[in-house]
Amino acid sequence: MKRDMVRDGFFVTVSRQRIWEKELEIFSVFDSLCEVYDISYFAAFWTLLGAARHKGFIPWDDDNSGLFSRNED
């Protein structure tokens, strides 16, 4: 059973942890589709900061941000 926790000095509710889990599930499907269709993307904004600084989600953030490169062909 999950419990509320403190992460990097911020209170993180069970609800927020569940949101993160669902977002990772959605992201996994998104990543698979991008691989199938050879679409390049990269993390951006708070998502990139969270990956680099927090090794995951930023405690106060609850979404993912990414950018695509545009094919000029």
N, C-alpha and C. Protein backbone atom coordinates (compact mmCIF):
# COMPACT_ATOMS: atom_id res chain seq x y z
N MET A 1 0.83 -1.17 0.00
CA MET A 1 0.00 0.00 0.00
C MET A 1 0.89 1.25 0.00
N LYS A 2 0.56 2.16 -0.89
CA LYS A 2 1.32 3.40 -0.96
C LYS A 2 0.94 4.32 0.20
N ARG A 3 1.88 5.20 0.53
CA ARG A 3 1.64 6.19 1.57
C ARG A 3 2.14 7.54 1.09
N ASP A 4 1.57 8.60 1.66
CA ASP A 4 2.11 9.92 1.41
C ASP A 4 3.58 9.92 1.80
N MET A 5 4.37 10.74 1.12
CA MET A 5 5.80 10.76 1.42
C MET A 5 6.34 12.17 1.24
N VAL A 6 7.54 12.36 1.73
CA VAL A 6 8.26 13.61 1.50
C VAL A 6 9.40 13.27 0.55
N ARG A 7 9.47 14.01 -0.56
CA ARG A 7 10.50 13.77 -1.56
C ARG A 7 11.20 15.09 -1.86
N ASP A 8 12.50 15.13 -1.65
CA ASP A 8 13.28 16.35 -1.85
C ASP A 8 12.69 17.53 -1.09
N GLY A 9 12.16 17.26 0.09
CA GLY A 9 11.61 18.32 0.93
C GLY A 9 10.18 18.71 0.60
N PHE A 10 9.54 18.02 -0.33
CA PHE A 10 8.16 18.34 -0.72
C PHE A 10 7.24 17.18 -0.37
N PHE A 11 6.07 17.51 0.13
CA PHE A 11 5.05 16.52 0.47
C PHE A 11 4.40 16.01 -0.80
N VAL A 12 4.40 14.70 -1.00
CA VAL A 12 3.83 14.07 -2.19
C VAL A 12 2.73 13.11 -1.74
N THR A 13 1.51 13.39 -2.18
CA THR A 13 0.37 12.56 -1.78
C THR A 13 0.35 11.24 -2.56
N VAL A 14 -0.40 10.30 -2.04
CA VAL A 14 -0.61 9.03 -2.73
C VAL A 14 -1.27 9.29 -4.08
N SER A 15 -2.20 10.23 -4.11
CA SER A 15 -2.88 10.58 -5.36
C SER A 15 -1.89 11.03 -6.42
N ARG A 16 -0.95 11.88 -6.04
CA ARG A 16 0.06 12.35 -7.00
C ARG A 16 0.94 11.19 -7.45
N GLN A 17 1.29 10.29 -6.57
CA GLN A 17 2.10 9.13 -6.94
C GLN A 17 1.36 8.26 -7.95
N ARG A 18 0.06 8.12 -7.78
CA ARG A 18 -0.74 7.33 -8.73
C ARG A 18 -0.81 8.03 -10.09
N ILE A 19 -0.92 9.34 -10.07
CA ILE A 19 -0.90 10.10 -11.32
C ILE A 19 0.42 9.85 -12.04
N TRP A 20 1.52 9.90 -11.32
CA TRP A 20 2.83 9.65 -11.93
C TRP A 20 2.88 8.25 -12.56
N GLU A 21 2.35 7.26 -11.85
CA GLU A 21 2.34 5.89 -12.39
C GLU A 21 1.57 5.82 -13.70
N LYS A 22 0.40 6.43 -13.74
CA LYS A 22 -0.41 6.42 -14.97
C LYS A 22 0.29 7.17 -16.09
N GLU A 23 0.92 8.28 -15.77
CA GLU A 23 1.65 9.02 -16.80
C GLU A 23 2.79 8.20 -17.37
N LEU A 24 3.47 7.43 -16.54
CA LEU A 24 4.54 6.57 -17.05
C LEU A 24 3.98 5.47 -17.95
N GLU A 25 2.81 4.95 -17.62
CA GLU A 25 2.17 3.95 -18.48
C GLU A 25 1.82 4.57 -19.84
N ILE A 26 1.24 5.76 -19.82
CA ILE A 26 0.90 6.45 -21.07
C ILE A 26 2.16 6.76 -21.86
N PHE A 27 3.19 7.21 -21.17
CA PHE A 27 4.44 7.53 -21.86
C PHE A 27 5.04 6.30 -22.52
N SER A 28 4.93 5.15 -21.88
CA SER A 28 5.45 3.92 -22.45
C SER A 28 4.77 3.60 -23.78
N VAL A 29 3.46 3.79 -23.85
CA VAL A 29 2.72 3.58 -25.10
C VAL A 29 3.17 4.60 -26.14
N PHE A 30 3.28 5.85 -25.74
CA PHE A 30 3.74 6.92 -26.63
C PHE A 30 5.13 6.59 -27.19
N ASP A 31 6.03 6.16 -26.32
CA ASP A 31 7.39 5.81 -26.74
C ASP A 31 7.37 4.67 -27.75
N SER A 32 6.54 3.67 -27.51
CA SER A 32 6.43 2.54 -28.44
C SER A 32 5.93 2.99 -29.81
N LEU A 33 4.93 3.86 -29.83
CA LEU A 33 4.42 4.39 -31.10
C LEU A 33 5.49 5.18 -31.85
N CYS A 34 6.22 5.99 -31.11
CA CYS A 34 7.29 6.77 -31.75
C CYS A 34 8.35 5.86 -32.35
N GLU A 35 8.65 4.78 -31.65
CA GLU A 35 9.64 3.83 -32.17
C GLU A 35 9.12 3.16 -33.44
N VAL A 36 7.88 2.73 -33.45
CA VAL A 36 7.29 2.07 -34.62
C VAL A 36 7.31 2.99 -35.83
N TYR A 37 6.97 4.26 -35.63
CA TYR A 37 6.88 5.21 -36.74
C TYR A 37 8.14 6.06 -36.93
N ASP A 38 9.21 5.68 -36.24
CA ASP A 38 10.51 6.35 -36.37
C ASP A 38 10.39 7.87 -36.15
N ILE A 39 9.74 8.23 -35.06
CA ILE A 39 9.56 9.63 -34.68
C ILE A 39 10.52 9.96 -33.55
N SER A 40 11.32 10.98 -33.75
CA SER A 40 12.27 11.41 -32.72
C SER A 40 11.62 12.44 -31.81
N TYR A 41 11.88 12.34 -30.54
CA TYR A 41 11.38 13.30 -29.55
C TYR A 41 12.40 13.39 -28.43
N PHE A 42 12.27 14.40 -27.60
CA PHE A 42 13.13 14.50 -26.42
C PHE A 42 12.39 15.22 -25.31
N ALA A 43 12.82 14.95 -24.09
CA ALA A 43 12.21 15.58 -22.92
C ALA A 43 12.55 17.06 -22.93
N ALA A 44 11.63 17.86 -22.38
CA ALA A 44 11.84 19.30 -22.34
C ALA A 44 11.27 19.88 -21.04
N PHE A 45 11.66 21.10 -20.76
CA PHE A 45 11.12 21.89 -19.66
C PHE A 45 11.25 21.15 -18.32
N TRP A 46 10.15 21.12 -17.54
CA TRP A 46 10.20 20.50 -16.20
C TRP A 46 10.50 19.01 -16.27
N THR A 47 10.08 18.35 -17.35
CA THR A 47 10.35 16.92 -17.49
C THR A 47 11.85 16.67 -17.57
N LEU A 48 12.54 17.47 -18.35
CA LEU A 48 13.99 17.34 -18.48
C LEU A 48 14.68 17.66 -17.16
N LEU A 49 14.25 18.72 -16.51
CA LEU A 49 14.82 19.09 -15.21
C LEU A 49 14.59 17.98 -14.19
N GLY A 50 13.38 17.43 -14.17
CA GLY A 50 13.09 16.35 -13.23
C GLY A 50 13.95 15.13 -13.47
N ALA A 51 14.14 14.77 -14.73
CA ALA A 51 14.97 13.61 -15.06
C ALA A 51 16.41 13.83 -14.61
N ALA A 52 16.92 15.03 -14.84
CA ALA A 52 18.32 15.32 -14.51
C ALA A 52 18.52 15.54 -13.00
N ARG A 53 17.66 16.33 -12.39
CA ARG A 53 17.89 16.73 -11.00
C ARG A 53 17.24 15.81 -9.98
N HIS A 54 16.07 15.25 -10.30
CA HIS A 54 15.33 14.46 -9.32
C HIS A 54 15.29 12.98 -9.66
N LYS A 55 15.86 12.61 -10.78
CA LYS A 55 15.85 11.20 -11.22
C LYS A 55 14.41 10.69 -11.36
N GLY A 56 13.52 11.56 -11.82
CA GLY A 56 12.11 11.22 -11.99
C GLY A 56 11.29 12.49 -12.06
N PHE A 57 10.06 12.41 -11.61
CA PHE A 57 9.20 13.59 -11.60
C PHE A 57 9.68 14.61 -10.58
N ILE A 58 9.50 15.88 -10.89
CA ILE A 58 9.70 16.93 -9.90
C ILE A 58 8.54 16.80 -8.92
N PRO A 59 8.81 16.86 -7.62
CA PRO A 59 7.75 16.60 -6.64
C PRO A 59 6.49 17.44 -6.80
N TRP A 60 6.59 18.65 -7.28
CA TRP A 60 5.40 19.51 -7.41
C TRP A 60 4.81 19.49 -8.82
N ASP A 61 5.37 18.69 -9.72
CA ASP A 61 4.91 18.66 -11.11
C ASP A 61 4.13 17.38 -11.36
N ASP A 62 3.18 17.44 -12.28
CA ASP A 62 2.37 16.24 -12.55
C ASP A 62 2.09 16.06 -14.04
N ASP A 63 3.05 16.46 -14.88
CA ASP A 63 2.86 16.21 -16.30
C ASP A 63 4.20 15.95 -16.97
N ASN A 64 4.14 15.58 -18.24
CA ASN A 64 5.34 15.34 -19.04
C ASN A 64 5.37 16.35 -20.17
N SER A 65 6.56 16.80 -20.51
CA SER A 65 6.73 17.73 -21.63
C SER A 65 7.78 17.18 -22.57
N GLY A 66 7.49 17.25 -23.85
CA GLY A 66 8.44 16.78 -24.85
C GLY A 66 8.35 17.61 -26.10
N LEU A 67 9.37 17.54 -26.89
CA LEU A 67 9.42 18.26 -28.16
C LEU A 67 9.77 17.29 -29.27
N PHE A 68 9.29 17.61 -30.46
CA PHE A 68 9.58 16.83 -31.65
C PHE A 68 10.39 17.68 -32.60
N SER A 69 11.24 17.04 -33.37
CA SER A 69 11.90 17.78 -34.45
C SER A 69 11.01 17.68 -35.68
N ARG A 70 10.99 18.71 -36.46
CA ARG A 70 10.14 18.73 -37.65
C ARG A 70 10.94 18.26 -38.86
N ASN A 71 10.38 17.32 -39.59
CA ASN A 71 11.02 16.82 -40.79
C ASN A 71 10.72 17.79 -41.94
N GLU A 72 11.76 18.33 -42.54
CA GLU A 72 11.60 19.32 -43.61
C GLU A 72 11.51 18.69 -44.99
N ASP A 73 11.54 17.37 -45.08
CA ASP A 73 11.49 16.69 -46.39
C ASP A 73 10.14 16.82 -47.04
